[in-house]
Amino acid sequence: MIERSAERDAAVLAALPHVPQLGWTEAALEAGLRGAGMDPVAHRWLFPSGPVGAVEAWIDLTDRRMEEAAAREDLSALRTPARIRRLIAIRLAEIEPHRAALRRALALLALPWNARAAARSLARTVDAIWAAAGDRSADFSWYTRRASLAGIYLATVAFWLREPGGLNAALEFLDRRLASLGRLHRARRQGAS
């Protein structure tokens, strides 16, 4: 479980405008804190693991905002793939203004010594998406659903960051991935019967 507090959320949000130029660094965190009227060295106790901890906190905040936005909508009328699509759309829209910060975050998490933080963040995100979609499974499918979604989510984010088509192009890409997954599941069920 990641530590959550209003101060951590405020520090991350204050740092975001500085990240495109400074990266996820102590300098960006200090600039954000200073600009928000907070103690510039507060990042030391707010994020004891340093900038990687700030990235994890930002990802967690984005997950929570996605869950809050989904709770304001009635997703229950949608089928599961449509719920997943909507949740990923909400999440991408939330981080759209911060694409450069996301690129910097992914570059930091891609470093070998940050692999555990990257895996934790991805696991929390896909779990948040499935939970917001209404998944309450407690069997082996809990793992397979999350593993499948992790691959689809990562591919969609990579496409979204690489392609100039923006959110609509990314959602079309996501639609194709979800359709492929649906065909695979149907083929498995037919093969098993």
Protein backbone atom coordinates (compact mmCIF):
# COMPACT_ATOMS: atom_id res chain seq x y z
CA MET A 1 0.00 0.00 0.00
CA ILE A 2 1.33 3.41 -0.95
CA GLU A 3 1.34 6.21 1.59
CA ARG A 4 -1.28 8.83 0.82
CA SER A 5 -1.69 12.36 2.11
CA ALA A 6 -2.96 15.71 0.90
CA GLU A 7 0.58 17.09 1.26
CA ARG A 8 2.03 14.40 -1.01
CA ASP A 9 -0.68 14.99 -3.60
CA ALA A 10 -0.08 18.75 -3.48
CA ALA A 11 3.69 18.30 -3.82
CA VAL A 12 3.33 16.04 -6.85
CA LEU A 13 0.87 18.38 -8.55
CA ALA A 14 3.12 21.36 -7.84
CA ALA A 15 6.13 19.56 -9.35
CA LEU A 16 4.36 18.51 -12.57
CA PRO A 17 4.89 21.80 -14.47
CA HIS A 18 8.64 21.57 -13.76
CA VAL A 19 9.09 17.93 -14.75
CA PRO A 20 9.17 18.40 -18.57
CA GLN A 21 12.31 20.53 -18.26
CA LEU A 22 13.92 19.15 -15.09
CA GLY A 23 12.73 15.54 -15.16
CA TRP A 24 11.54 13.69 -12.09
CA THR A 25 14.35 15.06 -9.96
CA GLU A 26 14.83 16.67 -6.59
CA ALA A 27 15.22 19.99 -8.45
CA ALA A 28 11.72 19.63 -9.95
CA LEU A 29 10.24 18.67 -6.60
CA GLU A 30 11.95 21.62 -4.89
CA ALA A 31 10.81 24.05 -7.61
CA GLY A 32 7.24 22.82 -7.27
CA LEU A 33 7.26 23.02 -3.49
CA ARG A 34 8.80 26.49 -3.57
CA GLY A 35 6.19 27.65 -6.10
CA ALA A 36 3.40 26.26 -3.91
CA GLY A 37 4.71 28.14 -0.87
CA MET A 38 5.88 24.99 0.84
CA ASP A 39 9.28 24.15 2.30
CA PRO A 40 11.43 23.24 -0.74
CA VAL A 41 13.13 20.37 1.09
CA ALA A 42 9.82 18.83 2.20
CA HIS A 43 10.26 16.28 -0.59
CA ARG A 44 12.80 14.54 1.64
CA TRP A 45 10.14 13.43 4.12
CA LEU A 46 7.22 13.39 1.71
CA PHE A 47 9.05 11.05 -0.69
CA PRO A 48 11.77 9.22 1.27
CA SER A 49 12.56 7.06 -1.76
CA GLY A 50 13.22 10.20 -3.81
CA PRO A 51 11.84 11.09 -7.24
CA VAL A 52 10.78 7.48 -7.88
CA GLY A 53 8.51 7.77 -4.84
CA ALA A 54 7.07 10.97 -6.30
CA VAL A 55 6.37 9.15 -9.56
CA GLU A 56 4.62 6.33 -7.67
CA ALA A 57 2.58 8.92 -5.77
CA TRP A 58 1.57 10.61 -9.04
CA ILE A 59 0.51 7.32 -10.61
CA ASP A 60 -1.49 6.51 -7.47
CA LEU A 61 -3.14 9.95 -7.54
CA THR A 62 -4.06 9.40 -11.20
CA ASP A 63 -5.56 6.01 -10.29
CA ARG A 64 -7.66 7.62 -7.55
CA ARG A 65 -8.84 10.39 -9.85
CA MET A 66 -9.83 7.79 -12.45
CA GLU A 67 -11.81 5.88 -9.81
CA GLU A 68 -13.54 9.09 -8.64
CA ALA A 69 -14.47 10.06 -12.21
CA ALA A 70 -15.78 6.54 -12.88
CA ALA A 71 -17.88 6.65 -9.71
CA ARG A 72 -19.59 9.79 -11.04
CA GLU A 73 -20.56 7.88 -14.19
CA ASP A 74 -22.86 4.90 -14.36
CA LEU A 75 -20.64 2.24 -15.89
CA SER A 76 -22.90 -0.60 -14.74
CA ALA A 77 -24.92 -0.50 -17.96
CA LEU A 78 -21.78 -1.17 -20.01
CA ARG A 79 -20.31 -4.57 -20.76
CA THR A 80 -16.92 -5.25 -19.20
CA PRO A 81 -14.79 -4.38 -22.27
CA ALA A 82 -16.64 -1.08 -22.61
CA ARG A 83 -16.06 -0.35 -18.93
CA ILE A 84 -12.35 -1.06 -19.31
CA ARG A 85 -12.22 1.17 -22.39
CA ARG A 86 -13.99 3.99 -20.57
CA LEU A 87 -11.69 3.74 -17.56
CA ILE A 88 -8.56 3.84 -19.70
CA ALA A 89 -10.04 6.80 -21.61
CA ILE A 90 -10.62 8.63 -18.32
CA ARG A 91 -7.08 7.85 -17.23
CA LEU A 92 -5.50 9.03 -20.49
CA ALA A 93 -7.59 12.21 -20.45
CA GLU A 94 -6.39 12.88 -16.90
CA ILE A 95 -2.72 12.67 -17.92
CA GLU A 96 -3.12 14.27 -21.37
CA PRO A 97 -1.82 17.67 -20.18
CA HIS A 98 1.20 15.91 -18.66
CA ARG A 99 2.44 13.73 -21.53
CA ALA A 100 6.00 15.01 -21.14
CA ALA A 101 5.91 14.23 -17.41
CA LEU A 102 4.63 10.73 -18.21
CA ARG A 103 7.47 10.19 -20.69
CA ARG A 104 9.93 11.25 -18.02
CA ALA A 105 8.24 9.02 -15.44
CA LEU A 106 8.36 5.98 -17.72
CA ALA A 107 12.04 6.64 -18.50
CA LEU A 108 12.81 6.76 -14.77
CA LEU A 109 10.82 3.60 -14.06
CA ALA A 110 12.56 1.81 -16.95
CA LEU A 111 15.90 1.96 -15.17
CA PRO A 112 16.80 -1.52 -13.88
CA TRP A 113 17.06 -0.42 -10.24
CA ASN A 114 13.49 0.96 -10.43
CA ALA A 115 11.94 -2.26 -11.77
CA ARG A 116 10.17 -3.04 -8.49
CA ALA A 117 8.59 0.43 -8.35
CA ALA A 118 7.52 0.07 -11.98
CA ALA A 119 5.95 -3.33 -11.34
CA ARG A 120 4.17 -2.08 -8.20
CA SER A 121 2.78 0.94 -10.04
CA LEU A 122 1.55 -1.09 -12.99
CA ALA A 123 -0.03 -3.69 -10.70
CA ARG A 124 -1.85 -0.99 -8.71
CA THR A 125 -3.09 0.69 -11.89
CA VAL A 126 -4.49 -2.45 -13.52
CA ASP A 127 -6.01 -3.51 -10.21
CA ALA A 128 -7.65 -0.06 -9.88
CA ILE A 129 -9.03 -0.34 -13.42
CA TRP A 130 -10.46 -3.81 -12.81
CA ALA A 131 -11.89 -2.82 -9.43
CA ALA A 132 -13.54 0.29 -10.93
CA ALA A 133 -14.91 -1.94 -13.71
CA GLY A 134 -16.60 -4.05 -11.04
CA ASP A 135 -14.36 -7.13 -11.04
CA ARG A 136 -14.73 -9.00 -7.76
CA SER A 137 -13.08 -12.27 -8.79
CA ALA A 138 -10.95 -14.10 -6.25
CA ASP A 139 -9.90 -17.10 -8.32
CA PHE A 140 -7.15 -17.72 -10.87
CA SER A 141 -8.88 -15.39 -13.34
CA TRP A 142 -7.97 -12.49 -11.02
CA TYR A 143 -4.34 -12.94 -12.11
CA THR A 144 -4.97 -13.63 -15.78
CA ARG A 145 -7.29 -10.63 -16.13
CA ARG A 146 -4.75 -8.30 -14.62
CA ALA A 147 -1.88 -9.72 -16.66
CA SER A 148 -3.90 -9.35 -19.87
CA LEU A 149 -4.91 -5.80 -19.01
CA ALA A 150 -1.33 -4.86 -18.08
CA GLY A 151 -0.16 -5.76 -21.58
CA ILE A 152 -3.04 -3.96 -23.25
CA TYR A 153 -2.67 -0.88 -21.05
CA LEU A 154 1.09 -0.61 -21.59
CA ALA A 155 0.72 -1.03 -25.35
CA THR A 156 -2.00 1.64 -25.43
CA VAL A 157 0.07 4.11 -23.42
CA ALA A 158 3.10 3.48 -25.64
CA PHE A 159 0.98 4.01 -28.76
CA TRP A 160 -0.57 7.17 -27.28
CA LEU A 161 2.84 8.65 -26.44
CA ARG A 162 4.30 7.79 -29.84
CA GLU A 163 1.48 8.70 -32.21
CA PRO A 164 0.41 12.26 -33.00
CA GLY A 165 -3.27 11.27 -33.30
CA GLY A 166 -3.95 11.98 -29.63
CA LEU A 167 -6.57 10.37 -27.46
CA ASN A 168 -8.92 9.29 -30.27
CA ALA A 169 -6.17 7.38 -32.09
CA ALA A 170 -5.12 5.75 -28.82
CA LEU A 171 -8.70 4.67 -28.10
CA GLU A 172 -9.02 3.19 -31.59
CA PHE A 173 -5.80 1.28 -30.91
CA LEU A 174 -7.25 0.14 -27.56
CA ASP A 175 -10.45 -0.99 -29.29
CA ARG A 176 -8.41 -3.22 -31.59
CA ARG A 177 -6.50 -4.72 -28.64
CA LEU A 178 -9.71 -5.38 -26.68
CA ALA A 179 -11.33 -6.95 -29.76
CA SER A 180 -8.31 -9.23 -30.23
CA LEU A 181 -8.48 -10.27 -26.58
CA GLY A 182 -12.21 -10.97 -26.93
CA ARG A 183 -11.59 -13.16 -29.99
CA LEU A 184 -8.89 -15.06 -28.10
CA HIS A 185 -11.22 -15.73 -25.16
CA ARG A 186 -14.02 -16.88 -27.46
CA ALA A 187 -11.63 -19.23 -29.29
CA ARG A 188 -10.47 -20.68 -25.96
CA ARG A 189 -14.05 -21.29 -24.82
CA GLN A 190 -14.91 -22.96 -28.13
CA GLY A 191 -11.79 -25.10 -27.94
CA ALA A 192 -12.60 -26.16 -24.39
CA SER A 193 -16.13 -27.30 -25.23
